[in-house]
Amino acid sequence: MTSFRFDQPALLWLLLLAVPIVWLGMRSLAVLEPVRRWSAIALRLGVLAVLVMMLAGLQGVQTHSDLTVIAVIDQSQSVREFARPPSDPNPGSGQPPSNIEQWVRSYLRTAAGDQKQDDRFGFVTFDGRATVRTAPGSGVNLDSATIENPAEGTRAADALRAA
């Protein structure tokens, strides 16, 4: 759905300049035949309208009801060693998670619980390299294999570019 809006709608008052343009055009172009006179006036009004719309900041706004979410998950060695899951239980399970990976998967499943039919979900993991685990799709597939041989380092920028 496309709608239009203006950054500075007060500048639309400049369209009132159309009145003197028509009046002056009728007086100064009186020697021309009527078709040429009205064509010249219409062209001047068109230029005025384009300039005023540009000054007022006309924008076309497109809205969508579907959503694409891509989770970017850090699986670097520092997270594996030092990150601890929150002390509150997994949503819905009533038991605390045993590791951070289990907590992240449980959190993402819960967050995607109210996913609509047209919504898409995917996730990217990263350590020393970024890996697309699941391309955006209609279902939530978090069962992809984790990193078997972690690479040294953390490349968050690469993961965000991949996402």
N, C-alpha and C. Protein backbone atom coordinates (compact mmCIF):
# COMPACT_ATOMS: atom_id res chain seq x y z
N MET A 1 0.84 -1.16 0.00
CA MET A 1 0.00 0.00 0.00
C MET A 1 0.90 1.24 0.00
N THR A 2 0.67 2.16 -0.92
CA THR A 2 1.48 3.36 -1.02
C THR A 2 0.66 4.57 -0.63
N SER A 3 1.24 5.40 0.21
CA SER A 3 0.62 6.67 0.58
C SER A 3 1.66 7.77 0.40
N PHE A 4 1.22 9.01 0.39
CA PHE A 4 2.13 10.13 0.20
C PHE A 4 2.09 11.02 1.43
N ARG A 5 3.25 11.61 1.73
CA ARG A 5 3.33 12.55 2.84
C ARG A 5 4.35 13.62 2.51
N PHE A 6 4.34 14.71 3.27
CA PHE A 6 5.25 15.84 3.07
C PHE A 6 6.07 16.05 4.32
N ASP A 7 7.37 16.35 4.13
CA ASP A 7 8.21 16.68 5.27
C ASP A 7 7.84 18.05 5.84
N GLN A 8 7.54 18.99 4.97
CA GLN A 8 7.19 20.35 5.40
C GLN A 8 5.89 20.77 4.70
N PRO A 9 4.75 20.31 5.20
CA PRO A 9 3.48 20.60 4.52
C PRO A 9 3.11 22.08 4.50
N ALA A 10 3.69 22.89 5.38
CA ALA A 10 3.36 24.32 5.39
C ALA A 10 3.80 25.00 4.09
N LEU A 11 4.79 24.43 3.42
CA LEU A 11 5.26 25.02 2.17
C LEU A 11 4.27 24.83 1.03
N LEU A 12 3.23 24.03 1.23
CA LEU A 12 2.21 23.87 0.20
C LEU A 12 1.42 25.17 -0.02
N TRP A 13 1.51 26.10 0.93
CA TRP A 13 0.86 27.40 0.74
C TRP A 13 1.44 28.13 -0.47
N LEU A 14 2.64 27.75 -0.88
CA LEU A 14 3.24 28.37 -2.07
C LEU A 14 2.45 28.09 -3.33
N LEU A 15 1.59 27.07 -3.28
CA LEU A 15 0.73 26.79 -4.44
C LEU A 15 -0.24 27.94 -4.73
N LEU A 16 -0.45 28.84 -3.76
CA LEU A 16 -1.30 30.01 -3.99
C LEU A 16 -0.68 30.96 -5.02
N LEU A 17 0.59 30.76 -5.32
CA LEU A 17 1.22 31.55 -6.37
C LEU A 17 0.62 31.25 -7.73
N ALA A 18 -0.19 30.21 -7.82
CA ALA A 18 -0.84 29.87 -9.08
C ALA A 18 -1.81 30.96 -9.51
N VAL A 19 -2.43 31.65 -8.56
CA VAL A 19 -3.39 32.71 -8.89
C VAL A 19 -2.71 33.84 -9.65
N PRO A 20 -1.59 34.42 -9.14
CA PRO A 20 -0.95 35.48 -9.92
C PRO A 20 -0.34 34.98 -11.23
N ILE A 21 0.09 33.73 -11.26
CA ILE A 21 0.65 33.19 -12.51
C ILE A 21 -0.44 33.15 -13.58
N VAL A 22 -1.65 32.71 -13.22
CA VAL A 22 -2.75 32.68 -14.19
C VAL A 22 -3.13 34.10 -14.60
N TRP A 23 -3.24 35.01 -13.63
CA TRP A 23 -3.64 36.38 -13.92
C TRP A 23 -2.62 37.07 -14.83
N LEU A 24 -1.32 36.95 -14.46
CA LEU A 24 -0.28 37.57 -15.29
C LEU A 24 -0.19 36.91 -16.65
N GLY A 25 -0.40 35.61 -16.71
CA GLY A 25 -0.37 34.91 -17.98
C GLY A 25 -1.48 35.36 -18.91
N MET A 26 -2.65 35.58 -18.35
CA MET A 26 -3.78 36.03 -19.16
C MET A 26 -3.51 37.43 -19.73
N ARG A 27 -2.87 38.29 -18.94
CA ARG A 27 -2.60 39.66 -19.39
C ARG A 27 -1.44 39.70 -20.37
N SER A 28 -0.32 39.02 -20.04
CA SER A 28 0.87 39.15 -20.87
C SER A 28 0.81 38.30 -22.13
N LEU A 29 0.02 37.27 -22.12
CA LEU A 29 -0.06 36.38 -23.28
C LEU A 29 -1.35 36.57 -24.07
N ALA A 30 -1.98 37.73 -23.92
CA ALA A 30 -3.27 38.00 -24.57
C ALA A 30 -3.16 38.01 -26.09
N VAL A 31 -1.95 38.26 -26.62
CA VAL A 31 -1.79 38.32 -28.07
C VAL A 31 -1.76 36.93 -28.71
N LEU A 32 -1.54 35.90 -27.89
CA LEU A 32 -1.49 34.54 -28.42
C LEU A 32 -2.89 33.98 -28.61
N GLU A 33 -3.00 33.00 -29.48
CA GLU A 33 -4.29 32.33 -29.63
C GLU A 33 -4.58 31.53 -28.36
N PRO A 34 -5.85 31.28 -28.05
CA PRO A 34 -6.23 30.69 -26.75
C PRO A 34 -5.54 29.36 -26.44
N VAL A 35 -5.36 28.48 -27.41
CA VAL A 35 -4.74 27.17 -27.13
C VAL A 35 -3.29 27.36 -26.68
N ARG A 36 -2.55 28.22 -27.38
CA ARG A 36 -1.15 28.46 -27.01
C ARG A 36 -1.06 29.18 -25.67
N ARG A 37 -1.96 30.12 -25.41
CA ARG A 37 -1.95 30.87 -24.15
C ARG A 37 -2.18 29.91 -22.97
N TRP A 38 -3.21 29.06 -23.06
CA TRP A 38 -3.50 28.14 -21.95
C TRP A 38 -2.44 27.06 -21.83
N SER A 39 -1.82 26.68 -22.92
CA SER A 39 -0.72 25.71 -22.85
C SER A 39 0.47 26.31 -22.09
N ALA A 40 0.80 27.57 -22.37
CA ALA A 40 1.91 28.23 -21.68
C ALA A 40 1.60 28.39 -20.19
N ILE A 41 0.36 28.77 -19.88
CA ILE A 41 -0.03 28.92 -18.47
C ILE A 41 0.01 27.56 -17.76
N ALA A 42 -0.50 26.53 -18.41
CA ALA A 42 -0.48 25.18 -17.81
C ALA A 42 0.94 24.71 -17.57
N LEU A 43 1.85 25.00 -18.50
CA LEU A 43 3.24 24.61 -18.33
C LEU A 43 3.85 25.34 -17.14
N ARG A 44 3.57 26.62 -17.00
CA ARG A 44 4.07 27.39 -15.85
C ARG A 44 3.51 26.84 -14.53
N LEU A 45 2.23 26.50 -14.53
CA LEU A 45 1.62 25.93 -13.31
C LEU A 45 2.22 24.57 -12.97
N GLY A 46 2.53 23.79 -14.00
CA GLY A 46 3.17 22.49 -13.77
C GLY A 46 4.54 22.64 -13.14
N VAL A 47 5.33 23.61 -13.64
CA VAL A 47 6.66 23.87 -13.06
C VAL A 47 6.52 24.32 -11.62
N LEU A 48 5.55 25.21 -11.35
CA LEU A 48 5.30 25.67 -9.98
C LEU A 48 4.95 24.49 -9.08
N ALA A 49 4.06 23.62 -9.53
CA ALA A 49 3.64 22.47 -8.71
C ALA A 49 4.82 21.55 -8.41
N VAL A 50 5.66 21.28 -9.41
CA VAL A 50 6.82 20.41 -9.18
C VAL A 50 7.78 21.04 -8.18
N LEU A 51 8.07 22.33 -8.33
CA LEU A 51 8.98 23.00 -7.40
C LEU A 51 8.44 23.01 -5.97
N VAL A 52 7.14 23.29 -5.82
CA VAL A 52 6.54 23.32 -4.47
C VAL A 52 6.56 21.92 -3.86
N MET A 53 6.26 20.89 -4.64
CA MET A 53 6.29 19.52 -4.11
C MET A 53 7.71 19.14 -3.68
N MET A 54 8.70 19.56 -4.44
CA MET A 54 10.09 19.27 -4.06
C MET A 54 10.46 19.99 -2.77
N LEU A 55 10.10 21.27 -2.66
CA LEU A 55 10.41 22.04 -1.46
C LEU A 55 9.68 21.48 -0.23
N ALA A 56 8.45 21.03 -0.42
CA ALA A 56 7.66 20.51 0.70
C ALA A 56 8.10 19.10 1.10
N GLY A 57 8.93 18.46 0.28
CA GLY A 57 9.44 17.14 0.63
C GLY A 57 8.44 16.03 0.40
N LEU A 58 7.86 15.97 -0.77
CA LEU A 58 6.91 14.90 -1.10
C LEU A 58 7.60 13.55 -1.04
N GLN A 59 7.00 12.60 -0.34
CA GLN A 59 7.54 11.26 -0.21
C GLN A 59 6.44 10.24 -0.41
N GLY A 60 6.77 9.19 -1.14
CA GLY A 60 5.88 8.05 -1.26
C GLY A 60 6.26 7.04 -0.20
N VAL A 61 5.32 6.64 0.63
CA VAL A 61 5.58 5.71 1.73
C VAL A 61 4.87 4.40 1.44
N GLN A 62 5.64 3.32 1.36
CA GLN A 62 5.07 1.99 1.13
C GLN A 62 5.08 1.22 2.44
N THR A 63 3.96 0.64 2.79
CA THR A 63 3.88 -0.15 4.01
C THR A 63 3.63 -1.61 3.65
N HIS A 64 4.19 -2.48 4.46
CA HIS A 64 4.03 -3.92 4.27
C HIS A 64 3.56 -4.52 5.59
N SER A 65 2.78 -5.56 5.50
CA SER A 65 2.31 -6.21 6.72
C SER A 65 3.14 -7.45 7.06
N ASP A 66 3.94 -7.94 6.11
CA ASP A 66 4.76 -9.10 6.40
C ASP A 66 6.09 -8.65 7.01
N LEU A 67 6.78 -9.57 7.64
CA LEU A 67 7.97 -9.26 8.41
C LEU A 67 9.03 -10.32 8.16
N THR A 68 10.29 -9.88 8.05
CA THR A 68 11.41 -10.81 7.96
C THR A 68 12.35 -10.50 9.12
N VAL A 69 12.65 -11.51 9.91
CA VAL A 69 13.56 -11.37 11.05
C VAL A 69 14.72 -12.32 10.84
N ILE A 70 15.93 -11.80 10.99
CA ILE A 70 17.12 -12.65 10.91
C ILE A 70 17.87 -12.48 12.22
N ALA A 71 18.00 -13.56 12.96
CA ALA A 71 18.72 -13.55 14.23
C ALA A 71 20.20 -13.74 13.93
N VAL A 72 21.05 -12.93 14.54
CA VAL A 72 22.50 -13.03 14.38
C VAL A 72 23.06 -13.47 15.73
N ILE A 73 23.65 -14.69 15.75
CA ILE A 73 24.04 -15.32 17.01
C ILE A 73 25.56 -15.46 17.07
N ASP A 74 26.15 -14.91 18.13
CA ASP A 74 27.60 -14.99 18.35
C ASP A 74 27.93 -16.33 18.98
N GLN A 75 28.75 -17.12 18.27
CA GLN A 75 29.18 -18.41 18.81
C GLN A 75 30.69 -18.47 18.93
N SER A 76 31.31 -17.32 19.18
CA SER A 76 32.76 -17.28 19.32
C SER A 76 33.18 -17.97 20.61
N GLN A 77 34.45 -18.26 20.72
CA GLN A 77 34.98 -18.98 21.87
C GLN A 77 34.73 -18.20 23.17
N SER A 78 34.82 -16.88 23.13
CA SER A 78 34.59 -16.09 24.35
C SER A 78 33.16 -16.25 24.85
N VAL A 79 32.20 -16.33 23.95
CA VAL A 79 30.81 -16.53 24.36
C VAL A 79 30.64 -17.94 24.91
N ARG A 80 31.24 -18.90 24.25
CA ARG A 80 31.13 -20.28 24.72
C ARG A 80 31.71 -20.46 26.13
N GLU A 81 32.79 -19.73 26.43
CA GLU A 81 33.44 -19.89 27.74
C GLU A 81 32.80 -19.05 28.83
N PHE A 82 32.48 -17.79 28.50
CA PHE A 82 32.13 -16.85 29.56
C PHE A 82 30.65 -16.50 29.66
N ALA A 83 29.87 -16.70 28.63
CA ALA A 83 28.45 -16.33 28.69
C ALA A 83 27.67 -17.36 29.51
N ARG A 84 26.80 -16.85 30.33
CA ARG A 84 25.93 -17.71 31.13
C ARG A 84 24.49 -17.36 30.81
N PRO A 85 23.64 -18.36 30.70
CA PRO A 85 22.22 -18.06 30.43
C PRO A 85 21.61 -17.34 31.63
N PRO A 86 20.56 -16.56 31.39
CA PRO A 86 19.88 -15.89 32.50
C PRO A 86 19.38 -16.91 33.52
N SER A 87 19.25 -16.45 34.75
CA SER A 87 18.85 -17.37 35.82
C SER A 87 17.36 -17.71 35.75
N ASP A 88 16.56 -16.87 35.07
CA ASP A 88 15.14 -17.20 34.98
C ASP A 88 14.95 -18.38 34.03
N PRO A 89 13.95 -19.20 34.28
CA PRO A 89 13.75 -20.42 33.50
C PRO A 89 13.45 -20.14 32.03
N ASN A 90 13.61 -21.19 31.23
CA ASN A 90 13.22 -21.11 29.82
C ASN A 90 11.74 -20.79 29.75
N PRO A 91 11.36 -19.98 28.78
CA PRO A 91 9.93 -19.71 28.65
C PRO A 91 9.15 -21.00 28.41
N GLY A 92 8.23 -21.27 29.29
CA GLY A 92 7.36 -22.42 29.11
C GLY A 92 7.88 -23.73 29.67
N SER A 93 9.20 -23.85 29.93
CA SER A 93 9.71 -25.15 30.38
C SER A 93 9.76 -25.26 31.90
N GLY A 94 9.96 -24.11 32.58
CA GLY A 94 10.03 -24.15 34.03
C GLY A 94 11.37 -24.59 34.56
N GLN A 95 12.34 -24.92 33.71
CA GLN A 95 13.66 -25.34 34.15
C GLN A 95 14.72 -24.39 33.60
N PRO A 96 15.77 -24.14 34.37
CA PRO A 96 16.83 -23.28 33.85
C PRO A 96 17.59 -23.98 32.73
N PRO A 97 18.05 -23.24 31.71
CA PRO A 97 18.78 -23.85 30.60
C PRO A 97 20.16 -24.30 31.05
N SER A 98 20.67 -25.35 30.41
CA SER A 98 21.97 -25.87 30.79
C SER A 98 23.11 -25.10 30.13
N ASN A 99 22.88 -24.51 28.96
CA ASN A 99 23.94 -23.71 28.34
C ASN A 99 23.32 -22.56 27.55
N ILE A 100 24.18 -21.65 27.12
CA ILE A 100 23.70 -20.45 26.43
C ILE A 100 23.05 -20.79 25.10
N GLU A 101 23.58 -21.77 24.39
CA GLU A 101 23.01 -22.15 23.09
C GLU A 101 21.57 -22.64 23.25
N GLN A 102 21.34 -23.46 24.27
CA GLN A 102 19.99 -23.95 24.53
C GLN A 102 19.06 -22.79 24.87
N TRP A 103 19.54 -21.84 25.67
CA TRP A 103 18.73 -20.69 26.04
C TRP A 103 18.39 -19.85 24.82
N VAL A 104 19.37 -19.61 23.91
CA VAL A 104 19.13 -18.80 22.72
C VAL A 104 18.09 -19.47 21.82
N ARG A 105 18.22 -20.76 21.61
CA ARG A 105 17.25 -21.48 20.77
C ARG A 105 15.85 -21.42 21.39
N SER A 106 15.75 -21.60 22.70
CA SER A 106 14.46 -21.54 23.38
C SER A 106 13.87 -20.13 23.27
N TYR A 107 14.71 -19.12 23.44
CA TYR A 107 14.24 -17.73 23.36
C TYR A 107 13.73 -17.43 21.95
N LEU A 108 14.46 -17.84 20.93
CA LEU A 108 14.05 -17.57 19.55
C LEU A 108 12.76 -18.31 19.19
N ARG A 109 12.60 -19.53 19.67
CA ARG A 109 11.34 -20.26 19.42
C ARG A 109 10.16 -19.53 20.05
N THR A 110 10.36 -19.05 21.27
CA THR A 110 9.30 -18.33 21.96
C THR A 110 8.99 -17.01 21.26
N ALA A 111 10.05 -16.29 20.84
CA ALA A 111 9.86 -15.01 20.17
C ALA A 111 9.15 -15.17 18.83
N ALA A 112 9.37 -16.29 18.16
CA ALA A 112 8.74 -16.54 16.87
C ALA A 112 7.38 -17.21 17.02
N GLY A 113 6.90 -17.36 18.23
CA GLY A 113 5.64 -18.05 18.48
C GLY A 113 4.43 -17.38 17.86
N ASP A 114 4.43 -16.05 17.79
CA ASP A 114 3.27 -15.36 17.22
C ASP A 114 3.53 -14.95 15.77
N GLN A 115 4.32 -15.75 15.08
CA GLN A 115 4.66 -15.49 13.68
C GLN A 115 3.42 -15.63 12.80
N LYS A 116 3.21 -14.65 11.92
CA LYS A 116 2.09 -14.71 11.00
C LYS A 116 2.45 -15.55 9.79
N GLN A 117 1.49 -15.83 8.95
CA GLN A 117 1.69 -16.73 7.81
C GLN A 117 2.73 -16.18 6.83
N ASP A 118 2.73 -14.88 6.56
CA ASP A 118 3.65 -14.30 5.59
C ASP A 118 4.99 -13.89 6.19
N ASP A 119 5.17 -14.02 7.49
CA ASP A 119 6.44 -13.65 8.12
C ASP A 119 7.50 -14.68 7.83
N ARG A 120 8.76 -14.21 7.76
CA ARG A 120 9.89 -15.09 7.48
C ARG A 120 10.92 -14.96 8.60
N PHE A 121 11.61 -16.06 8.88
CA PHE A 121 12.61 -16.09 9.94
C PHE A 121 13.83 -16.83 9.45
N GLY A 122 15.01 -16.33 9.79
CA GLY A 122 16.26 -17.00 9.46
C GLY A 122 17.28 -16.67 10.52
N PHE A 123 18.42 -17.39 10.49
CA PHE A 123 19.45 -17.00 11.44
C PHE A 123 20.85 -17.25 10.90
N VAL A 124 21.76 -16.41 11.40
CA VAL A 124 23.17 -16.41 11.01
C VAL A 124 23.97 -16.59 12.28
N THR A 125 24.96 -17.47 12.24
CA THR A 125 25.88 -17.60 13.37
C THR A 125 27.24 -17.06 12.95
N PHE A 126 28.02 -16.64 13.92
CA PHE A 126 29.36 -16.14 13.60
C PHE A 126 30.32 -16.39 14.73
N ASP A 127 31.52 -16.59 14.36
CA ASP A 127 32.69 -16.59 15.25
C ASP A 127 33.76 -15.88 14.45
N GLY A 128 34.79 -16.58 13.99
CA GLY A 128 35.79 -15.99 13.11
C GLY A 128 35.30 -15.90 11.69
N ARG A 129 34.15 -16.49 11.41
CA ARG A 129 33.52 -16.43 10.08
C ARG A 129 32.01 -16.41 10.28
N ALA A 130 31.33 -15.79 9.32
CA ALA A 130 29.87 -15.73 9.39
C ALA A 130 29.30 -16.86 8.56
N THR A 131 28.27 -17.54 9.09
CA THR A 131 27.64 -18.66 8.39
C THR A 131 26.13 -18.49 8.43
N VAL A 132 25.51 -18.51 7.25
CA VAL A 132 24.05 -18.46 7.19
C VAL A 132 23.55 -19.86 7.50
N ARG A 133 22.88 -20.01 8.63
CA ARG A 133 22.38 -21.32 9.05
C ARG A 133 21.02 -21.63 8.43
N THR A 134 20.16 -20.62 8.38
CA THR A 134 18.84 -20.80 7.81
C THR A 134 18.48 -19.54 7.04
N ALA A 135 18.20 -19.70 5.75
CA ALA A 135 17.74 -18.56 4.95
C ALA A 135 16.33 -18.21 5.40
N PRO A 136 15.93 -16.95 5.26
CA PRO A 136 14.58 -16.57 5.69
C PRO A 136 13.52 -17.42 5.01
N GLY A 137 12.70 -18.02 5.82
CA GLY A 137 11.62 -18.87 5.32
C GLY A 137 10.41 -18.75 6.21
N SER A 138 9.33 -19.41 5.84
CA SER A 138 8.08 -19.28 6.58
C SER A 138 8.10 -20.01 7.91
N GLY A 139 8.87 -21.07 8.03
CA GLY A 139 8.92 -21.78 9.30
C GLY A 139 10.13 -21.39 10.12
N VAL A 140 10.11 -21.69 11.40
CA VAL A 140 11.24 -21.42 12.27
C VAL A 140 12.05 -22.70 12.39
N ASN A 141 13.20 -22.75 11.75
CA ASN A 141 14.05 -23.93 11.77
C ASN A 141 15.32 -23.60 12.53
N LEU A 142 15.37 -23.97 13.80
CA LEU A 142 16.55 -23.71 14.62
C LEU A 142 17.36 -24.97 14.86
N ASP A 143 17.05 -26.04 14.14
CA ASP A 143 17.73 -27.30 14.37
C ASP A 143 18.96 -27.49 13.50
N SER A 144 19.39 -26.44 12.78
CA SER A 144 20.60 -26.55 11.97
C SER A 144 21.79 -26.81 12.88
N ALA A 145 22.76 -27.51 12.35
CA ALA A 145 23.94 -27.87 13.14
C ALA A 145 24.68 -26.60 13.57
N THR A 146 25.25 -26.66 14.77
CA THR A 146 26.04 -25.54 15.23
C THR A 146 27.45 -25.66 14.65
N ILE A 147 28.29 -24.73 14.98
CA ILE A 147 29.64 -24.73 14.43
C ILE A 147 30.43 -25.90 15.02
N GLU A 148 30.89 -26.78 14.14
CA GLU A 148 31.63 -27.95 14.60
C GLU A 148 33.07 -27.59 14.93
N ASN A 149 33.72 -26.83 14.08
CA ASN A 149 35.10 -26.40 14.27
C ASN A 149 35.13 -24.88 14.36
N PRO A 150 34.99 -24.34 15.56
CA PRO A 150 34.93 -22.88 15.67
C PRO A 150 36.21 -22.24 15.14
N ALA A 151 36.03 -21.11 14.45
CA ALA A 151 37.17 -20.35 13.95
C ALA A 151 37.56 -19.32 15.00
N GLU A 152 38.83 -18.98 15.04
CA GLU A 152 39.36 -18.01 16.00
C GLU A 152 38.83 -16.61 15.67
N GLY A 153 38.38 -15.87 16.67
CA GLY A 153 37.97 -14.48 16.48
C GLY A 153 36.47 -14.28 16.50
N THR A 154 36.10 -13.01 16.31
CA THR A 154 34.70 -12.62 16.27
C THR A 154 34.52 -11.65 15.12
N ARG A 155 33.70 -12.00 14.14
CA ARG A 155 33.50 -11.17 12.95
C ARG A 155 32.04 -10.73 12.88
N ALA A 156 31.64 -9.87 13.80
CA ALA A 156 30.25 -9.42 13.87
C ALA A 156 29.83 -8.64 12.63
N ALA A 157 30.72 -7.82 12.07
CA ALA A 157 30.38 -7.02 10.89
C ALA A 157 30.07 -7.92 9.70
N ASP A 158 30.84 -9.00 9.53
CA ASP A 158 30.57 -9.94 8.45
C ASP A 158 29.22 -10.62 8.64
N ALA A 159 28.88 -10.93 9.89
CA ALA A 159 27.60 -11.58 10.17
C ALA A 159 26.44 -10.65 9.85
N LEU A 160 26.58 -9.37 10.19
CA LEU A 160 25.50 -8.42 9.90
C LEU A 160 25.37 -8.20 8.40
N ARG A 161 26.47 -8.20 7.66
CA ARG A 161 26.39 -8.10 6.20
C ARG A 161 25.71 -9.33 5.62
N ALA A 162 26.02 -10.52 6.14
CA ALA A 162 25.40 -11.75 5.66
C ALA A 162 23.90 -11.75 5.97
N ALA A 163 23.55 -11.22 7.14
CA ALA A 163 22.13 -11.17 7.52
C ALA A 163 21.39 -10.27 6.57
